[in-house]
N, C-alpha and C. Protein backbone atom coordinates (compact mmCIF):
# COMPACT_ATOMS: atom_id res chain seq x y z
N MET A 1 -2.38 -9.21 -20.92
CA MET A 1 -1.79 -8.63 -19.73
C MET A 1 -0.28 -8.44 -19.90
N MET A 2 0.41 -9.47 -20.47
CA MET A 2 1.85 -9.34 -20.66
C MET A 2 2.18 -8.23 -21.64
N SER A 3 1.33 -8.07 -22.68
CA SER A 3 1.54 -6.98 -23.63
C SER A 3 1.37 -5.63 -22.94
N TRP A 4 0.35 -5.52 -22.08
CA TRP A 4 0.11 -4.27 -21.36
C TRP A 4 1.28 -3.95 -20.43
N LEU A 5 1.75 -4.95 -19.71
CA LEU A 5 2.90 -4.74 -18.81
C LEU A 5 4.15 -4.37 -19.60
N GLY A 6 4.32 -4.99 -20.77
CA GLY A 6 5.49 -4.67 -21.59
C GLY A 6 5.47 -3.22 -22.07
N GLU A 7 4.29 -2.73 -22.49
CA GLU A 7 4.18 -1.34 -22.92
C GLU A 7 4.44 -0.38 -21.76
N THR A 8 3.89 -0.70 -20.59
CA THR A 8 4.09 0.16 -19.42
C THR A 8 5.56 0.21 -19.03
N TRP A 9 6.22 -0.95 -19.03
CA TRP A 9 7.64 -1.00 -18.69
C TRP A 9 8.47 -0.23 -19.72
N ALA A 10 8.08 -0.31 -21.00
CA ALA A 10 8.81 0.42 -22.04
C ALA A 10 8.72 1.93 -21.81
N ILE A 11 7.54 2.41 -21.43
CA ILE A 11 7.38 3.84 -21.14
C ILE A 11 8.23 4.24 -19.95
N LEU A 12 8.18 3.44 -18.89
CA LEU A 12 8.98 3.74 -17.69
C LEU A 12 10.47 3.75 -18.01
N SER A 13 10.92 2.77 -18.77
CA SER A 13 12.35 2.71 -19.13
C SER A 13 12.75 3.90 -19.98
N LYS A 14 11.88 4.29 -20.92
CA LYS A 14 12.18 5.45 -21.77
C LYS A 14 12.32 6.72 -20.94
N GLU A 15 11.41 6.88 -19.98
CA GLU A 15 11.45 8.09 -19.14
C GLU A 15 12.75 8.18 -18.36
N TRP A 16 13.18 7.07 -17.77
CA TRP A 16 14.41 7.12 -16.97
C TRP A 16 15.65 7.24 -17.84
N ARG A 17 15.64 6.67 -19.03
CA ARG A 17 16.78 6.86 -19.93
C ARG A 17 16.91 8.33 -20.32
N CYS A 18 15.79 8.95 -20.65
CA CYS A 18 15.81 10.38 -20.99
C CYS A 18 16.24 11.22 -19.79
N GLU A 19 15.75 10.85 -18.61
CA GLU A 19 16.08 11.61 -17.40
C GLU A 19 17.56 11.49 -17.05
N LEU A 20 18.12 10.29 -17.17
CA LEU A 20 19.52 10.10 -16.84
C LEU A 20 20.44 10.79 -17.83
N ARG A 21 19.95 11.04 -19.06
CA ARG A 21 20.75 11.80 -20.02
C ARG A 21 20.73 13.29 -19.71
N SER A 22 19.55 13.82 -19.35
CA SER A 22 19.43 15.27 -19.12
C SER A 22 19.51 15.64 -17.64
N ARG A 23 18.97 14.78 -16.78
CA ARG A 23 18.92 15.01 -15.32
C ARG A 23 18.19 16.32 -14.99
N TYR A 24 17.22 16.68 -15.82
CA TYR A 24 16.52 17.95 -15.60
C TYR A 24 15.60 17.86 -14.38
N ALA A 25 14.66 16.91 -14.39
CA ALA A 25 13.69 16.82 -13.31
C ALA A 25 14.36 16.45 -12.00
N LEU A 26 15.29 15.49 -12.04
CA LEU A 26 15.94 15.04 -10.81
C LEU A 26 16.73 16.16 -10.16
N SER A 27 17.51 16.88 -10.95
CA SER A 27 18.29 17.97 -10.38
C SER A 27 17.39 19.11 -9.92
N THR A 28 16.29 19.35 -10.63
CA THR A 28 15.39 20.44 -10.25
C THR A 28 14.73 20.17 -8.91
N VAL A 29 14.14 18.99 -8.75
CA VAL A 29 13.43 18.70 -7.51
C VAL A 29 14.38 18.61 -6.33
N LEU A 30 15.55 18.00 -6.53
CA LEU A 30 16.50 17.87 -5.42
C LEU A 30 17.08 19.22 -5.02
N LEU A 31 17.46 20.03 -6.01
CA LEU A 31 18.03 21.34 -5.71
C LEU A 31 17.01 22.23 -5.01
N PHE A 32 15.76 22.22 -5.51
CA PHE A 32 14.71 23.03 -4.90
C PHE A 32 14.45 22.58 -3.47
N ALA A 33 14.32 21.27 -3.27
CA ALA A 33 13.98 20.75 -1.94
C ALA A 33 15.11 20.98 -0.95
N ILE A 34 16.35 20.72 -1.34
CA ILE A 34 17.46 20.88 -0.42
C ILE A 34 17.69 22.34 -0.07
N THR A 35 17.56 23.22 -1.07
CA THR A 35 17.70 24.66 -0.79
C THR A 35 16.63 25.14 0.18
N THR A 36 15.39 24.73 -0.05
CA THR A 36 14.31 25.12 0.85
C THR A 36 14.50 24.53 2.23
N LEU A 37 14.97 23.29 2.29
CA LEU A 37 15.20 22.64 3.58
C LEU A 37 16.27 23.37 4.38
N ILE A 38 17.34 23.76 3.73
CA ILE A 38 18.40 24.49 4.44
C ILE A 38 17.88 25.83 4.95
N ALA A 39 17.09 26.52 4.12
CA ALA A 39 16.52 27.80 4.56
C ALA A 39 15.60 27.61 5.77
N VAL A 40 14.79 26.54 5.74
CA VAL A 40 13.89 26.26 6.86
C VAL A 40 14.68 25.92 8.11
N SER A 41 15.72 25.10 7.96
CA SER A 41 16.50 24.69 9.13
C SER A 41 17.22 25.87 9.77
N ILE A 42 17.65 26.84 8.94
CA ILE A 42 18.29 28.03 9.50
C ILE A 42 17.29 28.91 10.22
N SER A 43 16.08 29.01 9.66
CA SER A 43 15.07 29.92 10.22
C SER A 43 14.37 29.35 11.44
N VAL A 44 13.90 28.11 11.34
CA VAL A 44 13.10 27.54 12.43
C VAL A 44 13.66 26.18 12.85
N GLY A 45 14.97 26.04 12.78
CA GLY A 45 15.60 24.78 13.14
C GLY A 45 15.57 24.53 14.63
N PRO A 46 16.37 23.59 15.11
CA PRO A 46 16.35 23.24 16.53
C PRO A 46 16.60 24.42 17.46
N ALA A 47 17.41 25.40 16.99
CA ALA A 47 17.68 26.55 17.85
C ALA A 47 16.49 27.49 17.95
N GLY A 48 15.58 27.43 16.97
CA GLY A 48 14.46 28.36 16.99
C GLY A 48 13.12 27.74 17.25
N ALA A 49 13.03 26.41 17.25
CA ALA A 49 11.76 25.73 17.43
C ALA A 49 11.62 25.25 18.87
N THR A 50 10.51 25.54 19.47
CA THR A 50 10.23 25.08 20.83
C THR A 50 9.79 23.63 20.81
N PRO A 51 9.86 22.92 21.94
CA PRO A 51 9.39 21.54 21.95
C PRO A 51 7.94 21.39 21.52
N GLU A 52 7.11 22.39 21.80
CA GLU A 52 5.72 22.32 21.39
C GLU A 52 5.56 22.42 19.87
N GLN A 53 6.53 23.05 19.22
CA GLN A 53 6.46 23.22 17.78
C GLN A 53 7.03 22.03 17.01
N ARG A 54 7.83 21.19 17.64
CA ARG A 54 8.49 20.10 16.94
C ARG A 54 7.50 19.15 16.25
N PRO A 55 6.38 18.74 16.89
CA PRO A 55 5.46 17.85 16.18
C PRO A 55 4.83 18.48 14.94
N LEU A 56 4.90 19.82 14.82
CA LEU A 56 4.33 20.48 13.64
C LEU A 56 5.29 20.50 12.46
N MET A 57 6.49 19.98 12.65
CA MET A 57 7.48 19.99 11.58
C MET A 57 7.05 19.20 10.34
N PRO A 58 6.23 18.12 10.46
CA PRO A 58 5.77 17.44 9.24
C PRO A 58 5.06 18.35 8.25
N VAL A 59 4.44 19.41 8.73
CA VAL A 59 3.80 20.37 7.82
C VAL A 59 4.85 20.97 6.88
N LEU A 60 5.98 21.37 7.44
CA LEU A 60 7.05 21.94 6.63
C LEU A 60 7.62 20.91 5.67
N LEU A 61 7.76 19.66 6.13
CA LEU A 61 8.28 18.61 5.27
C LEU A 61 7.40 18.41 4.04
N TRP A 62 6.10 18.33 4.25
CA TRP A 62 5.21 18.08 3.11
C TRP A 62 5.09 19.28 2.20
N LEU A 63 5.23 20.48 2.74
CA LEU A 63 5.25 21.66 1.87
C LEU A 63 6.49 21.67 0.99
N ILE A 64 7.63 21.27 1.56
CA ILE A 64 8.85 21.18 0.77
C ILE A 64 8.69 20.15 -0.35
N LEU A 65 8.15 18.98 0.00
CA LEU A 65 7.97 17.92 -1.00
C LEU A 65 6.98 18.35 -2.08
N LEU A 66 5.90 19.03 -1.68
CA LEU A 66 4.89 19.45 -2.64
C LEU A 66 5.45 20.45 -3.64
N PHE A 67 6.13 21.48 -3.15
CA PHE A 67 6.63 22.52 -4.05
C PHE A 67 7.78 22.00 -4.90
N ALA A 68 8.58 21.07 -4.36
CA ALA A 68 9.62 20.46 -5.18
C ALA A 68 9.01 19.64 -6.30
N ALA A 69 7.96 18.89 -5.98
CA ALA A 69 7.27 18.11 -7.02
C ALA A 69 6.64 19.03 -8.06
N THR A 70 6.06 20.13 -7.63
CA THR A 70 5.46 21.08 -8.57
C THR A 70 6.50 21.68 -9.50
N ALA A 71 7.73 21.80 -9.02
CA ALA A 71 8.80 22.37 -9.85
C ALA A 71 9.29 21.40 -10.91
N GLY A 72 9.25 20.09 -10.63
CA GLY A 72 9.85 19.14 -11.56
C GLY A 72 8.90 18.27 -12.34
N LEU A 73 7.77 17.89 -11.76
CA LEU A 73 6.89 16.92 -12.40
C LEU A 73 6.14 17.43 -13.62
N PRO A 74 5.87 18.74 -13.78
CA PRO A 74 5.20 19.17 -15.02
C PRO A 74 5.96 18.82 -16.29
N ARG A 75 7.27 18.52 -16.20
CA ARG A 75 8.05 18.18 -17.37
C ARG A 75 7.66 16.83 -17.96
N THR A 76 6.82 16.06 -17.27
CA THR A 76 6.49 14.70 -17.70
C THR A 76 5.99 14.67 -19.13
N PHE A 77 5.07 15.56 -19.48
CA PHE A 77 4.52 15.60 -20.84
C PHE A 77 5.01 16.80 -21.63
N VAL A 78 5.53 17.81 -20.95
CA VAL A 78 6.08 18.97 -21.67
C VAL A 78 7.25 18.52 -22.55
N HIS A 79 8.05 17.60 -22.04
CA HIS A 79 9.18 17.09 -22.82
C HIS A 79 8.72 16.44 -24.12
N GLU A 80 7.59 15.74 -24.07
CA GLU A 80 7.07 15.09 -25.28
C GLU A 80 6.65 16.14 -26.32
N GLU A 81 6.06 17.23 -25.86
CA GLU A 81 5.64 18.27 -26.79
C GLU A 81 6.84 19.01 -27.38
N GLU A 82 7.85 19.25 -26.55
CA GLU A 82 9.02 19.99 -27.04
C GLU A 82 9.85 19.18 -28.03
N THR A 83 9.93 17.88 -27.83
CA THR A 83 10.71 17.02 -28.73
C THR A 83 9.86 16.42 -29.84
N HIS A 84 8.58 16.79 -29.90
CA HIS A 84 7.65 16.34 -30.95
C HIS A 84 7.51 14.81 -30.97
N THR A 85 7.50 14.21 -29.77
CA THR A 85 7.29 12.76 -29.66
C THR A 85 5.90 12.42 -29.14
N ALA A 86 5.05 13.42 -28.95
CA ALA A 86 3.71 13.17 -28.41
C ALA A 86 2.86 12.37 -29.40
N ASP A 87 2.88 12.76 -30.66
CA ASP A 87 2.07 12.05 -31.66
C ASP A 87 2.54 10.60 -31.86
N PRO A 88 3.85 10.34 -31.98
CA PRO A 88 4.27 8.94 -32.04
C PRO A 88 3.86 8.13 -30.83
N LEU A 89 3.87 8.74 -29.63
CA LEU A 89 3.43 8.03 -28.44
C LEU A 89 1.94 7.69 -28.50
N ARG A 90 1.16 8.60 -29.05
CA ARG A 90 -0.28 8.34 -29.18
C ARG A 90 -0.54 7.13 -30.08
N LEU A 91 0.31 6.95 -31.07
CA LEU A 91 0.15 5.83 -31.99
C LEU A 91 0.76 4.54 -31.46
N ALA A 92 1.82 4.66 -30.65
CA ALA A 92 2.58 3.47 -30.25
C ALA A 92 2.09 2.83 -28.96
N ALA A 93 1.51 3.61 -28.06
CA ALA A 93 1.17 3.08 -26.73
C ALA A 93 -0.29 3.33 -26.41
N ARG A 94 -0.88 2.39 -25.72
CA ARG A 94 -2.24 2.58 -25.24
C ARG A 94 -2.26 3.65 -24.15
N PRO A 95 -3.34 4.45 -24.07
CA PRO A 95 -3.37 5.52 -23.07
C PRO A 95 -3.15 5.02 -21.64
N SER A 96 -3.74 3.88 -21.29
CA SER A 96 -3.57 3.37 -19.93
C SER A 96 -2.12 3.00 -19.66
N CYS A 97 -1.44 2.40 -20.65
CA CYS A 97 -0.03 2.05 -20.49
C CYS A 97 0.82 3.31 -20.35
N LEU A 98 0.52 4.31 -21.16
CA LEU A 98 1.28 5.56 -21.11
C LEU A 98 1.09 6.24 -19.77
N PHE A 99 -0.15 6.29 -19.29
CA PHE A 99 -0.41 6.94 -18.02
C PHE A 99 0.28 6.20 -16.88
N CYS A 100 0.19 4.89 -16.85
CA CYS A 100 0.81 4.12 -15.76
C CYS A 100 2.33 4.21 -15.82
N GLY A 101 2.91 4.18 -17.03
CA GLY A 101 4.35 4.31 -17.15
C GLY A 101 4.85 5.66 -16.67
N LYS A 102 4.16 6.73 -17.08
CA LYS A 102 4.52 8.07 -16.63
C LYS A 102 4.33 8.22 -15.12
N THR A 103 3.25 7.64 -14.60
CA THR A 103 2.99 7.73 -13.16
C THR A 103 4.06 7.00 -12.36
N LEU A 104 4.46 5.82 -12.83
CA LEU A 104 5.53 5.09 -12.15
C LEU A 104 6.85 5.85 -12.18
N TYR A 105 7.10 6.53 -13.28
CA TYR A 105 8.31 7.37 -13.35
C TYR A 105 8.23 8.49 -12.31
N ASN A 106 7.10 9.18 -12.27
CA ASN A 106 6.95 10.25 -11.29
C ASN A 106 7.03 9.72 -9.86
N LEU A 107 6.46 8.53 -9.63
CA LEU A 107 6.50 7.95 -8.29
C LEU A 107 7.92 7.61 -7.88
N THR A 108 8.67 6.98 -8.77
CA THR A 108 10.06 6.65 -8.41
C THR A 108 10.89 7.92 -8.21
N LEU A 109 10.60 8.96 -8.99
CA LEU A 109 11.29 10.23 -8.79
C LEU A 109 10.97 10.82 -7.43
N LEU A 110 9.71 10.75 -7.03
CA LEU A 110 9.31 11.26 -5.72
C LEU A 110 9.89 10.42 -4.60
N LEU A 111 9.98 9.11 -4.79
CA LEU A 111 10.57 8.26 -3.75
C LEU A 111 12.05 8.58 -3.57
N VAL A 112 12.75 8.86 -4.66
CA VAL A 112 14.14 9.29 -4.55
C VAL A 112 14.22 10.60 -3.79
N LEU A 113 13.33 11.52 -4.12
CA LEU A 113 13.29 12.81 -3.42
C LEU A 113 13.03 12.62 -1.93
N GLU A 114 12.05 11.80 -1.58
CA GLU A 114 11.74 11.56 -0.18
C GLU A 114 12.89 10.86 0.55
N ALA A 115 13.57 9.92 -0.14
CA ALA A 115 14.68 9.20 0.48
C ALA A 115 15.86 10.12 0.78
N VAL A 116 16.01 11.18 -0.01
CA VAL A 116 17.11 12.12 0.22
C VAL A 116 16.72 13.20 1.22
N VAL A 117 15.53 13.76 1.05
CA VAL A 117 15.14 14.94 1.83
C VAL A 117 14.70 14.57 3.25
N THR A 118 13.94 13.49 3.41
CA THR A 118 13.38 13.18 4.72
C THR A 118 14.44 12.94 5.79
N PRO A 119 15.48 12.11 5.55
CA PRO A 119 16.51 11.97 6.58
C PRO A 119 17.22 13.29 6.90
N LEU A 120 17.49 14.09 5.87
CA LEU A 120 18.11 15.39 6.12
C LEU A 120 17.19 16.27 6.96
N PHE A 121 15.91 16.23 6.66
CA PHE A 121 14.95 17.03 7.41
C PHE A 121 14.93 16.62 8.88
N LEU A 122 14.88 15.32 9.13
CA LEU A 122 14.82 14.83 10.51
C LEU A 122 16.09 15.16 11.29
N VAL A 123 17.24 15.12 10.60
CA VAL A 123 18.51 15.40 11.28
C VAL A 123 18.68 16.90 11.53
N LEU A 124 18.44 17.71 10.49
CA LEU A 124 18.68 19.14 10.61
C LEU A 124 17.73 19.79 11.60
N LEU A 125 16.48 19.34 11.64
CA LEU A 125 15.51 19.93 12.55
C LEU A 125 15.36 19.12 13.84
N GLN A 126 16.15 18.04 13.96
CA GLN A 126 16.15 17.21 15.16
C GLN A 126 14.73 16.77 15.55
N VAL A 127 14.03 16.22 14.55
CA VAL A 127 12.67 15.73 14.76
C VAL A 127 12.75 14.25 15.10
N GLU A 128 12.19 13.86 16.22
CA GLU A 128 12.14 12.46 16.63
C GLU A 128 10.79 11.88 16.24
N VAL A 129 10.80 10.79 15.49
CA VAL A 129 9.58 10.14 15.03
C VAL A 129 9.27 8.99 15.96
N ALA A 130 8.12 9.04 16.59
CA ALA A 130 7.74 8.00 17.53
C ALA A 130 7.37 6.70 16.84
N ASP A 131 6.73 6.78 15.68
CA ASP A 131 6.29 5.59 14.95
C ASP A 131 6.85 5.66 13.53
N LEU A 132 8.05 5.09 13.35
CA LEU A 132 8.72 5.16 12.06
C LEU A 132 7.95 4.42 10.97
N TRP A 133 7.32 3.31 11.31
CA TRP A 133 6.58 2.52 10.33
C TRP A 133 5.41 3.32 9.75
N SER A 134 4.62 3.92 10.62
CA SER A 134 3.49 4.72 10.14
C SER A 134 3.96 5.95 9.37
N PHE A 135 5.10 6.51 9.79
CA PHE A 135 5.65 7.68 9.09
C PHE A 135 6.08 7.30 7.67
N ALA A 136 6.72 6.13 7.52
CA ALA A 136 7.15 5.67 6.20
C ALA A 136 5.95 5.38 5.30
N ILE A 137 4.89 4.78 5.87
CA ILE A 137 3.69 4.50 5.07
C ILE A 137 3.04 5.81 4.62
N ALA A 138 3.02 6.81 5.51
CA ALA A 138 2.45 8.11 5.14
C ALA A 138 3.23 8.74 3.99
N LEU A 139 4.56 8.61 4.01
CA LEU A 139 5.37 9.14 2.92
C LEU A 139 5.07 8.40 1.61
N LEU A 140 4.91 7.08 1.69
CA LEU A 140 4.61 6.30 0.48
C LEU A 140 3.24 6.65 -0.08
N VAL A 141 2.23 6.71 0.79
CA VAL A 141 0.87 7.02 0.34
C VAL A 141 0.81 8.43 -0.24
N GLY A 142 1.47 9.37 0.42
CA GLY A 142 1.50 10.73 -0.11
C GLY A 142 2.23 10.81 -1.44
N GLY A 143 3.32 10.05 -1.59
CA GLY A 143 4.04 10.03 -2.86
C GLY A 143 3.20 9.48 -3.99
N VAL A 144 2.43 8.42 -3.72
CA VAL A 144 1.56 7.84 -4.74
C VAL A 144 0.52 8.85 -5.19
N GLY A 145 -0.11 9.52 -4.24
CA GLY A 145 -1.12 10.51 -4.59
C GLY A 145 -0.55 11.68 -5.38
N LEU A 146 0.62 12.16 -4.97
CA LEU A 146 1.25 13.26 -5.70
C LEU A 146 1.61 12.83 -7.12
N ALA A 147 2.10 11.60 -7.27
CA ALA A 147 2.50 11.12 -8.60
C ALA A 147 1.30 10.99 -9.52
N VAL A 148 0.21 10.39 -9.03
CA VAL A 148 -0.97 10.18 -9.88
C VAL A 148 -1.59 11.51 -10.28
N GLY A 149 -1.83 12.37 -9.29
CA GLY A 149 -2.44 13.66 -9.59
C GLY A 149 -1.58 14.53 -10.48
N SER A 150 -0.27 14.54 -10.24
CA SER A 150 0.63 15.38 -11.04
C SER A 150 0.72 14.89 -12.48
N THR A 151 0.65 13.57 -12.67
CA THR A 151 0.72 13.03 -14.03
C THR A 151 -0.47 13.48 -14.86
N LEU A 152 -1.66 13.38 -14.29
CA LEU A 152 -2.85 13.81 -15.02
C LEU A 152 -2.82 15.31 -15.31
N ILE A 153 -2.43 16.10 -14.33
CA ILE A 153 -2.40 17.56 -14.53
C ILE A 153 -1.34 17.94 -15.55
N ALA A 154 -0.19 17.25 -15.52
CA ALA A 154 0.86 17.54 -16.50
C ALA A 154 0.39 17.27 -17.91
N ALA A 155 -0.40 16.21 -18.10
CA ALA A 155 -0.96 15.94 -19.42
C ALA A 155 -1.93 17.02 -19.85
N MET A 156 -2.67 17.59 -18.92
CA MET A 156 -3.66 18.61 -19.24
C MET A 156 -3.01 19.93 -19.65
N VAL A 157 -1.86 20.26 -19.06
CA VAL A 157 -1.26 21.57 -19.30
C VAL A 157 -0.10 21.50 -20.28
N ALA A 158 0.19 20.32 -20.85
CA ALA A 158 1.39 20.16 -21.68
C ALA A 158 1.38 21.08 -22.89
N GLN A 159 0.22 21.33 -23.48
CA GLN A 159 0.14 22.14 -24.68
C GLN A 159 -0.17 23.60 -24.40
N ALA A 160 -0.28 23.96 -23.14
CA ALA A 160 -0.57 25.35 -22.79
C ALA A 160 0.70 26.18 -22.80
N ARG A 161 0.56 27.47 -22.92
CA ARG A 161 1.73 28.36 -22.94
C ARG A 161 2.25 28.59 -21.52
N ALA A 162 1.39 29.01 -20.61
CA ALA A 162 1.81 29.25 -19.23
C ALA A 162 1.66 27.96 -18.43
N ARG A 163 2.57 27.00 -18.68
CA ARG A 163 2.43 25.68 -18.08
C ARG A 163 2.63 25.71 -16.57
N GLY A 164 3.67 26.42 -16.12
CA GLY A 164 3.98 26.44 -14.69
C GLY A 164 2.85 26.99 -13.85
N PRO A 165 2.38 28.22 -14.10
CA PRO A 165 1.27 28.75 -13.31
C PRO A 165 0.00 27.94 -13.45
N LEU A 166 -0.29 27.43 -14.65
CA LEU A 166 -1.50 26.65 -14.85
C LEU A 166 -1.43 25.33 -14.09
N PHE A 167 -0.25 24.71 -14.06
CA PHE A 167 -0.09 23.47 -13.30
C PHE A 167 -0.37 23.71 -11.82
N ALA A 168 0.16 24.81 -11.28
CA ALA A 168 -0.05 25.11 -9.87
C ALA A 168 -1.53 25.37 -9.57
N VAL A 169 -2.20 26.09 -10.47
CA VAL A 169 -3.62 26.41 -10.25
C VAL A 169 -4.47 25.14 -10.26
N LEU A 170 -4.20 24.22 -11.19
CA LEU A 170 -4.98 23.00 -11.28
C LEU A 170 -4.60 22.00 -10.18
N ALA A 171 -3.34 22.00 -9.77
CA ALA A 171 -2.89 21.03 -8.77
C ALA A 171 -3.42 21.35 -7.39
N PHE A 172 -3.62 22.62 -7.09
CA PHE A 172 -4.01 23.01 -5.73
C PHE A 172 -5.31 22.35 -5.27
N PRO A 173 -6.42 22.45 -6.01
CA PRO A 173 -7.65 21.82 -5.51
C PRO A 173 -7.60 20.30 -5.52
N ILE A 174 -6.78 19.69 -6.39
CA ILE A 174 -6.72 18.23 -6.45
C ILE A 174 -5.84 17.66 -5.34
N LEU A 175 -4.71 18.30 -5.09
CA LEU A 175 -3.74 17.75 -4.14
C LEU A 175 -3.92 18.26 -2.72
N LEU A 176 -4.68 19.33 -2.52
CA LEU A 176 -4.86 19.87 -1.18
C LEU A 176 -5.49 18.88 -0.20
N PRO A 177 -6.58 18.17 -0.57
CA PRO A 177 -7.12 17.18 0.39
C PRO A 177 -6.12 16.09 0.75
N LEU A 178 -5.37 15.61 -0.24
CA LEU A 178 -4.35 14.60 0.05
C LEU A 178 -3.28 15.16 0.97
N LEU A 179 -2.86 16.39 0.72
CA LEU A 179 -1.83 17.00 1.56
C LEU A 179 -2.30 17.12 3.00
N LYS A 180 -3.56 17.50 3.20
CA LYS A 180 -4.10 17.61 4.56
C LYS A 180 -4.10 16.25 5.26
N LEU A 181 -4.47 15.19 4.55
CA LEU A 181 -4.55 13.87 5.14
C LEU A 181 -3.17 13.33 5.51
N VAL A 182 -2.19 13.46 4.62
CA VAL A 182 -0.87 12.91 4.92
C VAL A 182 -0.16 13.75 5.97
N ILE A 183 -0.45 15.04 6.04
CA ILE A 183 0.11 15.85 7.14
C ILE A 183 -0.44 15.36 8.47
N ASP A 184 -1.75 15.10 8.54
CA ASP A 184 -2.33 14.58 9.78
C ASP A 184 -1.73 13.22 10.14
N ALA A 185 -1.56 12.34 9.13
CA ALA A 185 -0.99 11.03 9.40
C ALA A 185 0.46 11.14 9.86
N SER A 186 1.22 12.04 9.27
CA SER A 186 2.61 12.24 9.67
C SER A 186 2.70 12.85 11.07
N PHE A 187 1.79 13.75 11.38
CA PHE A 187 1.75 14.36 12.71
C PHE A 187 1.51 13.30 13.78
N VAL A 188 0.59 12.39 13.52
CA VAL A 188 0.30 11.32 14.46
C VAL A 188 1.52 10.41 14.64
N ALA A 189 2.22 10.11 13.53
CA ALA A 189 3.40 9.25 13.61
C ALA A 189 4.53 9.92 14.39
N VAL A 190 4.72 11.22 14.18
CA VAL A 190 5.79 11.94 14.88
C VAL A 190 5.47 12.08 16.36
N ALA A 191 4.24 12.42 16.68
CA ALA A 191 3.87 12.65 18.08
C ALA A 191 3.64 11.36 18.85
N GLY A 192 3.47 10.24 18.14
CA GLY A 192 3.22 8.97 18.82
C GLY A 192 1.84 8.88 19.42
N GLU A 193 0.88 9.58 18.84
CA GLU A 193 -0.48 9.55 19.35
C GLU A 193 -1.22 8.32 18.82
N ALA A 194 -2.44 8.14 19.29
CA ALA A 194 -3.26 7.02 18.82
C ALA A 194 -3.54 7.18 17.33
N GLN A 195 -3.66 6.05 16.66
CA GLN A 195 -3.88 6.07 15.21
C GLN A 195 -5.16 6.82 14.86
N SER A 196 -5.07 7.63 13.82
CA SER A 196 -6.23 8.38 13.33
C SER A 196 -6.65 7.80 11.98
N PRO A 197 -7.86 8.13 11.52
CA PRO A 197 -8.30 7.61 10.21
C PRO A 197 -7.66 8.32 9.03
N ALA A 198 -6.75 9.26 9.26
CA ALA A 198 -6.20 10.06 8.16
C ALA A 198 -5.47 9.19 7.16
N LEU A 199 -4.69 8.20 7.63
CA LEU A 199 -3.92 7.38 6.71
C LEU A 199 -4.83 6.52 5.83
N GLY A 200 -5.86 5.94 6.43
CA GLY A 200 -6.81 5.16 5.65
C GLY A 200 -7.56 6.02 4.65
N LEU A 201 -7.92 7.22 5.04
CA LEU A 201 -8.59 8.13 4.11
C LEU A 201 -7.66 8.55 2.98
N ALA A 202 -6.37 8.70 3.28
CA ALA A 202 -5.41 9.04 2.23
C ALA A 202 -5.29 7.91 1.21
N VAL A 203 -5.30 6.66 1.68
CA VAL A 203 -5.27 5.52 0.76
C VAL A 203 -6.53 5.51 -0.10
N LEU A 204 -7.68 5.77 0.51
CA LEU A 204 -8.92 5.84 -0.24
C LEU A 204 -8.90 6.97 -1.26
N TYR A 205 -8.34 8.09 -0.89
CA TYR A 205 -8.24 9.22 -1.81
C TYR A 205 -7.33 8.87 -2.99
N ASP A 206 -6.21 8.22 -2.70
CA ASP A 206 -5.32 7.79 -3.79
C ASP A 206 -6.05 6.87 -4.76
N SER A 207 -6.84 5.96 -4.23
CA SER A 207 -7.58 5.02 -5.08
C SER A 207 -8.58 5.75 -5.96
N MET A 208 -9.29 6.71 -5.39
CA MET A 208 -10.28 7.45 -6.16
C MET A 208 -9.62 8.28 -7.25
N VAL A 209 -8.52 8.94 -6.92
CA VAL A 209 -7.83 9.76 -7.92
C VAL A 209 -7.24 8.89 -9.03
N THR A 210 -6.75 7.70 -8.67
CA THR A 210 -6.19 6.80 -9.68
C THR A 210 -7.27 6.33 -10.66
N VAL A 211 -8.41 5.92 -10.14
CA VAL A 211 -9.50 5.47 -11.01
C VAL A 211 -10.00 6.61 -11.89
N ALA A 212 -10.18 7.79 -11.30
CA ALA A 212 -10.65 8.93 -12.09
C ALA A 212 -9.63 9.33 -13.15
N SER A 213 -8.34 9.25 -12.82
CA SER A 213 -7.30 9.62 -13.79
C SER A 213 -7.26 8.64 -14.96
N LEU A 214 -7.40 7.34 -14.66
CA LEU A 214 -7.40 6.35 -15.73
C LEU A 214 -8.60 6.54 -16.66
N MET A 215 -9.71 7.01 -16.13
CA MET A 215 -10.89 7.26 -16.95
C MET A 215 -10.75 8.54 -17.78
N LEU A 216 -10.12 9.57 -17.20
CA LEU A 216 -10.04 10.86 -17.85
C LEU A 216 -8.84 10.98 -18.79
N PHE A 217 -7.79 10.22 -18.54
CA PHE A 217 -6.56 10.41 -19.31
C PHE A 217 -6.75 10.19 -20.81
N PRO A 218 -7.48 9.16 -21.28
CA PRO A 218 -7.65 9.02 -22.73
C PRO A 218 -8.29 10.23 -23.39
N VAL A 219 -9.22 10.89 -22.67
CA VAL A 219 -9.85 12.09 -23.22
C VAL A 219 -8.86 13.25 -23.24
N VAL A 220 -8.06 13.38 -22.20
CA VAL A 220 -7.07 14.46 -22.13
C VAL A 220 -5.95 14.26 -23.14
N TRP A 221 -5.49 13.01 -23.29
CA TRP A 221 -4.34 12.73 -24.14
C TRP A 221 -4.71 12.68 -25.61
N ASN A 222 -5.95 12.27 -25.93
CA ASN A 222 -6.40 12.22 -27.31
C ASN A 222 -7.61 13.13 -27.51
N PRO A 223 -7.38 14.46 -27.52
CA PRO A 223 -8.50 15.40 -27.60
C PRO A 223 -9.21 15.31 -28.96
């Protein structure tokens, strides 16, 4: 177990060291999300949104987070192919350690994105959240699902030529159910309505995707 944790931590540390040197993914997701957020706030911000439309604002928030993640997370394994470090990684790390390390990197990247974008979103669009605790849990659960699904898809498309379009095509059917569930959970938290099963179903979906990804990743990574 300690050896497995050590390998996973080594992968996570390597990813963040590389990211802090280049700042490619971090700058991409933040720039994309903030630019889209400003455009949304100008178009349908507090001056243009009616009180009846305010509870629907979580839909826009999750769309911003999804497209920002789609812009930055495919680099997870593309970087390994471009720098020719994929084969050494196959020899040095167990597939489960590699997958978990990459997933934790994507998750921490998404948490940074959510920590920056969500407060700006709430302030610029003047969205009042009735249940902050449930809203934060929905953001965490959604981030976990996006990180796990994006990591597996990034590994699948790393060696393809049209990586960007292929990533979007494969991500849509996998992440759409999760997106629907976390949007419903966020809507309930913002509106202050009675708890719905959406959050519990999102946790269950994350668990299923995680187990399936751990089973499929060795086949995808070592064809």
